Amino acid sequence: MEYAFSIMMFAMAGGMLLYAGDLAIWKNYKLIPRWQSARMKDPKAYTVQFAKVIAVFALPFLASGLVGLLQWYIPALIVLAVGFVGAGLAAARLMKDVM
């Protein structure tokens, strides 16, 4: 159980990356829940940008899981929190082009 934190972080990141890959490959905007989608001019371009945002939000989980492998749990949580702030800023810039 000493690596449970890292396993959970890697599982969450893996699930998010699989979802982002599915969106990017198939470009099916119906895979995006309605409450998360905006009014789209070009649904396929919006889907690809949304997949990029999901992939960006998976990166803090990966980084936190890597730090958690060293059993530094407080720094891992700090990496996760700071990573979410950075991912939010990056996501705002990514979605600005499509909306």
N, C-alpha and C. Protein backbone atom coordinates (compact mmCIF):
# COMPACT_ATOMS: atom_id res chain seq x y z
N MET A 1 0.79 -1.19 0.00
CA MET A 1 0.00 0.00 0.00
C MET A 1 0.84 1.27 0.00
N GLU A 2 2.14 1.12 -0.03
CA GLU A 2 2.97 2.32 0.02
C GLU A 2 2.94 3.10 -1.30
N TYR A 3 2.51 2.48 -2.36
CA TYR A 3 2.45 3.17 -3.65
C TYR A 3 1.01 3.44 -4.09
N ALA A 4 0.08 3.40 -3.16
CA ALA A 4 -1.34 3.58 -3.50
C ALA A 4 -1.60 4.96 -4.09
N PHE A 5 -0.96 5.99 -3.54
CA PHE A 5 -1.16 7.34 -4.06
C PHE A 5 -0.72 7.43 -5.52
N SER A 6 0.45 6.89 -5.81
CA SER A 6 0.96 6.94 -7.19
C SER A 6 0.09 6.12 -8.13
N ILE A 7 -0.37 4.99 -7.67
CA ILE A 7 -1.22 4.15 -8.52
C ILE A 7 -2.52 4.88 -8.85
N MET A 8 -3.11 5.55 -7.85
CA MET A 8 -4.34 6.30 -8.10
C MET A 8 -4.09 7.46 -9.06
N MET A 9 -2.97 8.14 -8.91
CA MET A 9 -2.67 9.26 -9.80
C MET A 9 -2.43 8.78 -11.23
N PHE A 10 -1.71 7.69 -11.37
CA PHE A 10 -1.46 7.15 -12.71
C PHE A 10 -2.75 6.63 -13.35
N ALA A 11 -3.63 6.02 -12.55
CA ALA A 11 -4.90 5.53 -13.09
C ALA A 11 -5.77 6.70 -13.56
N MET A 12 -5.81 7.75 -12.78
CA MET A 12 -6.61 8.92 -13.17
C MET A 12 -6.05 9.55 -14.45
N ALA A 13 -4.74 9.72 -14.49
CA ALA A 13 -4.10 10.30 -15.68
C ALA A 13 -4.31 9.39 -16.90
N GLY A 14 -4.18 8.10 -16.71
CA GLY A 14 -4.38 7.17 -17.82
C GLY A 14 -5.79 7.22 -18.37
N GLY A 15 -6.78 7.28 -17.49
CA GLY A 15 -8.16 7.38 -17.93
C GLY A 15 -8.42 8.67 -18.70
N MET A 16 -7.86 9.76 -18.19
CA MET A 16 -8.05 11.04 -18.87
C MET A 16 -7.36 11.05 -20.23
N LEU A 17 -6.17 10.46 -20.31
CA LEU A 17 -5.45 10.41 -21.58
C LEU A 17 -6.16 9.50 -22.59
N LEU A 18 -6.74 8.41 -22.11
CA LEU A 18 -7.51 7.55 -23.01
C LEU A 18 -8.73 8.28 -23.56
N TYR A 19 -9.42 9.02 -22.70
CA TYR A 19 -10.58 9.80 -23.15
C TYR A 19 -10.16 10.88 -24.14
N ALA A 20 -9.05 11.56 -23.84
CA ALA A 20 -8.56 12.61 -24.76
C ALA A 20 -8.15 12.01 -26.10
N GLY A 21 -7.50 10.86 -26.06
CA GLY A 21 -7.12 10.19 -27.30
C GLY A 21 -8.32 9.76 -28.12
N ASP A 22 -9.34 9.26 -27.44
CA ASP A 22 -10.57 8.86 -28.13
C ASP A 22 -11.23 10.06 -28.79
N LEU A 23 -11.28 11.18 -28.07
CA LEU A 23 -11.86 12.39 -28.66
C LEU A 23 -11.04 12.88 -29.86
N ALA A 24 -9.73 12.88 -29.72
CA ALA A 24 -8.87 13.41 -30.79
C ALA A 24 -8.89 12.53 -32.03
N ILE A 25 -8.92 11.23 -31.84
CA ILE A 25 -8.88 10.33 -32.99
C ILE A 25 -10.21 10.33 -33.75
N TRP A 26 -11.32 10.18 -33.03
CA TRP A 26 -12.62 10.02 -33.69
C TRP A 26 -13.30 11.35 -33.99
N LYS A 27 -12.91 12.42 -33.29
CA LYS A 27 -13.50 13.76 -33.51
C LYS A 27 -15.03 13.73 -33.43
N ASN A 28 -15.54 12.95 -32.49
CA ASN A 28 -16.98 12.81 -32.30
C ASN A 28 -17.40 13.71 -31.15
N TYR A 29 -18.02 14.83 -31.46
CA TYR A 29 -18.39 15.79 -30.43
C TYR A 29 -19.50 15.27 -29.52
N LYS A 30 -20.14 14.18 -29.88
CA LYS A 30 -21.19 13.61 -29.03
C LYS A 30 -20.61 12.89 -27.82
N LEU A 31 -19.29 12.67 -27.80
CA LEU A 31 -18.64 12.06 -26.64
C LEU A 31 -18.42 13.07 -25.52
N ILE A 32 -18.61 14.35 -25.80
CA ILE A 32 -18.48 15.39 -24.78
C ILE A 32 -19.85 15.55 -24.11
N PRO A 33 -19.91 15.45 -22.78
CA PRO A 33 -21.21 15.65 -22.12
C PRO A 33 -21.77 17.03 -22.43
N ARG A 34 -23.08 17.12 -22.56
CA ARG A 34 -23.71 18.38 -22.97
C ARG A 34 -23.42 19.51 -22.00
N TRP A 35 -23.35 19.25 -20.72
CA TRP A 35 -23.14 20.32 -19.75
C TRP A 35 -21.72 20.86 -19.81
N GLN A 36 -20.81 20.17 -20.50
CA GLN A 36 -19.44 20.67 -20.64
C GLN A 36 -19.18 21.30 -22.00
N SER A 37 -20.07 21.15 -22.92
CA SER A 37 -19.82 21.68 -24.26
C SER A 37 -20.41 23.08 -24.38
N ALA A 38 -19.77 23.85 -25.19
CA ALA A 38 -20.25 25.21 -25.46
C ALA A 38 -20.91 25.22 -26.83
N ARG A 39 -21.39 26.37 -27.22
CA ARG A 39 -21.93 26.48 -28.59
C ARG A 39 -20.75 26.46 -29.54
N MET A 40 -20.83 25.56 -30.50
CA MET A 40 -19.69 25.31 -31.36
C MET A 40 -19.96 25.83 -32.77
N LYS A 41 -18.96 26.52 -33.31
CA LYS A 41 -19.02 26.89 -34.72
C LYS A 41 -18.61 25.70 -35.57
N ASP A 42 -17.50 25.10 -35.18
CA ASP A 42 -16.97 23.92 -35.86
C ASP A 42 -16.84 22.79 -34.84
N PRO A 43 -17.75 21.84 -34.81
CA PRO A 43 -17.72 20.81 -33.77
C PRO A 43 -16.46 19.96 -33.76
N LYS A 44 -15.90 19.66 -34.92
CA LYS A 44 -14.71 18.81 -34.96
C LYS A 44 -13.49 19.54 -34.40
N ALA A 45 -13.34 20.81 -34.73
CA ALA A 45 -12.22 21.58 -34.19
C ALA A 45 -12.37 21.76 -32.68
N TYR A 46 -13.61 21.99 -32.24
CA TYR A 46 -13.87 22.12 -30.80
C TYR A 46 -13.52 20.82 -30.08
N THR A 47 -13.85 19.68 -30.68
CA THR A 47 -13.57 18.40 -30.06
C THR A 47 -12.07 18.17 -29.92
N VAL A 48 -11.31 18.52 -30.93
CA VAL A 48 -9.85 18.35 -30.86
C VAL A 48 -9.26 19.27 -29.78
N GLN A 49 -9.71 20.51 -29.72
CA GLN A 49 -9.23 21.43 -28.69
C GLN A 49 -9.62 20.95 -27.29
N PHE A 50 -10.83 20.43 -27.15
CA PHE A 50 -11.28 19.90 -25.87
C PHE A 50 -10.42 18.70 -25.46
N ALA A 51 -10.05 17.86 -26.43
CA ALA A 51 -9.17 16.72 -26.14
C ALA A 51 -7.80 17.21 -25.65
N LYS A 52 -7.30 18.29 -26.24
CA LYS A 52 -6.03 18.85 -25.78
C LYS A 52 -6.14 19.35 -24.35
N VAL A 53 -7.26 19.96 -24.02
CA VAL A 53 -7.47 20.45 -22.65
C VAL A 53 -7.51 19.29 -21.67
N ILE A 54 -8.19 18.22 -22.01
CA ILE A 54 -8.23 17.04 -21.13
C ILE A 54 -6.83 16.46 -20.95
N ALA A 55 -6.05 16.42 -22.02
CA ALA A 55 -4.68 15.91 -21.92
C ALA A 55 -3.81 16.82 -21.05
N VAL A 56 -4.01 18.12 -21.15
CA VAL A 56 -3.25 19.06 -20.30
C VAL A 56 -3.60 18.86 -18.83
N PHE A 57 -4.88 18.60 -18.54
CA PHE A 57 -5.28 18.37 -17.16
C PHE A 57 -4.83 17.01 -16.63
N ALA A 58 -4.39 16.11 -17.49
CA ALA A 58 -3.84 14.84 -17.03
C ALA A 58 -2.39 14.97 -16.58
N LEU A 59 -1.69 15.99 -17.05
CA LEU A 59 -0.28 16.14 -16.71
C LEU A 59 0.00 16.35 -15.22
N PRO A 60 -0.79 17.16 -14.48
CA PRO A 60 -0.54 17.26 -13.04
C PRO A 60 -0.67 15.92 -12.31
N PHE A 61 -1.59 15.08 -12.76
CA PHE A 61 -1.73 13.77 -12.13
C PHE A 61 -0.48 12.92 -12.37
N LEU A 62 0.06 12.97 -13.60
CA LEU A 62 1.28 12.22 -13.90
C LEU A 62 2.47 12.72 -13.07
N ALA A 63 2.63 14.04 -13.00
CA ALA A 63 3.75 14.60 -12.25
C ALA A 63 3.61 14.29 -10.76
N SER A 64 2.41 14.39 -10.23
CA SER A 64 2.18 14.09 -8.82
C SER A 64 2.43 12.61 -8.53
N GLY A 65 2.05 11.75 -9.45
CA GLY A 65 2.31 10.32 -9.28
C GLY A 65 3.79 10.00 -9.28
N LEU A 66 4.55 10.70 -10.14
CA LEU A 66 5.99 10.48 -10.17
C LEU A 66 6.65 10.94 -8.87
N VAL A 67 6.24 12.08 -8.34
CA VAL A 67 6.78 12.55 -7.07
C VAL A 67 6.34 11.62 -5.94
N GLY A 68 5.12 11.09 -6.02
CA GLY A 68 4.63 10.17 -5.02
C GLY A 68 5.40 8.85 -4.99
N LEU A 69 6.00 8.46 -6.10
CA LEU A 69 6.82 7.24 -6.11
C LEU A 69 8.01 7.35 -5.17
N LEU A 70 8.47 8.57 -4.96
CA LEU A 70 9.58 8.79 -4.03
C LEU A 70 9.10 8.89 -2.59
N GLN A 71 7.80 8.73 -2.38
CA GLN A 71 7.13 8.79 -1.09
C GLN A 71 7.28 10.15 -0.44
N TRP A 72 7.24 11.18 -1.25
CA TRP A 72 7.20 12.57 -0.77
C TRP A 72 5.78 13.04 -1.01
N TYR A 73 4.90 12.81 -0.05
CA TYR A 73 3.48 13.03 -0.29
C TYR A 73 3.07 14.49 -0.22
N ILE A 74 3.65 15.25 0.69
CA ILE A 74 3.31 16.68 0.76
C ILE A 74 3.78 17.39 -0.51
N PRO A 75 5.04 17.19 -0.96
CA PRO A 75 5.42 17.80 -2.24
C PRO A 75 4.58 17.30 -3.42
N ALA A 76 4.12 16.05 -3.37
CA ALA A 76 3.28 15.53 -4.45
C ALA A 76 1.95 16.27 -4.50
N LEU A 77 1.39 16.58 -3.34
CA LEU A 77 0.13 17.34 -3.31
C LEU A 77 0.36 18.78 -3.77
N ILE A 78 1.51 19.35 -3.43
CA ILE A 78 1.82 20.70 -3.89
C ILE A 78 1.98 20.72 -5.41
N VAL A 79 2.65 19.71 -5.95
CA VAL A 79 2.80 19.60 -7.41
C VAL A 79 1.43 19.47 -8.06
N LEU A 80 0.53 18.71 -7.44
CA LEU A 80 -0.81 18.53 -7.99
C LEU A 80 -1.58 19.86 -7.99
N ALA A 81 -1.52 20.60 -6.88
CA ALA A 81 -2.25 21.86 -6.79
C ALA A 81 -1.70 22.91 -7.76
N VAL A 82 -0.38 23.05 -7.79
CA VAL A 82 0.24 24.03 -8.69
C VAL A 82 0.03 23.61 -10.15
N GLY A 83 0.05 22.31 -10.39
CA GLY A 83 -0.20 21.81 -11.75
C GLY A 83 -1.60 22.12 -12.24
N PHE A 84 -2.59 22.05 -11.34
CA PHE A 84 -3.96 22.39 -11.74
C PHE A 84 -4.09 23.86 -12.08
N VAL A 85 -3.40 24.72 -11.34
CA VAL A 85 -3.44 26.14 -11.67
C VAL A 85 -2.83 26.38 -13.05
N GLY A 86 -1.66 25.76 -13.29
CA GLY A 86 -1.01 25.90 -14.59
C GLY A 86 -1.84 25.29 -15.72
N ALA A 87 -2.48 24.15 -15.45
CA ALA A 87 -3.32 23.53 -16.47
C ALA A 87 -4.54 24.39 -16.77
N GLY A 88 -5.09 25.03 -15.76
CA GLY A 88 -6.23 25.92 -15.99
C GLY A 88 -5.86 27.10 -16.85
N LEU A 89 -4.69 27.68 -16.61
CA LEU A 89 -4.23 28.79 -17.44
C LEU A 89 -3.97 28.34 -18.87
N ALA A 90 -3.34 27.18 -19.01
CA ALA A 90 -3.07 26.66 -20.35
C ALA A 90 -4.37 26.31 -21.08
N ALA A 91 -5.35 25.77 -20.35
CA ALA A 91 -6.63 25.41 -20.97
C ALA A 91 -7.37 26.65 -21.45
N ALA A 92 -7.28 27.72 -20.69
CA ALA A 92 -7.95 28.96 -21.12
C ALA A 92 -7.35 29.48 -22.42
N ARG A 93 -6.04 29.36 -22.55
CA ARG A 93 -5.41 29.79 -23.80
C ARG A 93 -5.74 28.86 -24.96
N LEU A 94 -5.82 27.57 -24.69
CA LEU A 94 -6.14 26.62 -25.76
C LEU A 94 -7.56 26.80 -26.29
N MET A 95 -8.51 27.05 -25.40
CA MET A 95 -9.90 27.16 -25.82
C MET A 95 -10.26 28.53 -26.36
N LYS A 96 -9.38 29.50 -26.21
CA LYS A 96 -9.67 30.84 -26.69
C LYS A 96 -9.80 30.87 -28.22
N ASP A 97 -9.05 30.04 -28.90
CA ASP A 97 -9.06 30.02 -30.36
C ASP A 97 -10.36 29.49 -30.94
N VAL A 98 -10.99 28.55 -30.27
CA VAL A 98 -12.15 27.87 -30.82
C VAL A 98 -13.45 28.59 -30.49
N MET A 99 -13.51 29.26 -29.39
CA MET A 99 -14.78 29.86 -28.94
C MET A 99 -14.97 31.26 -29.47
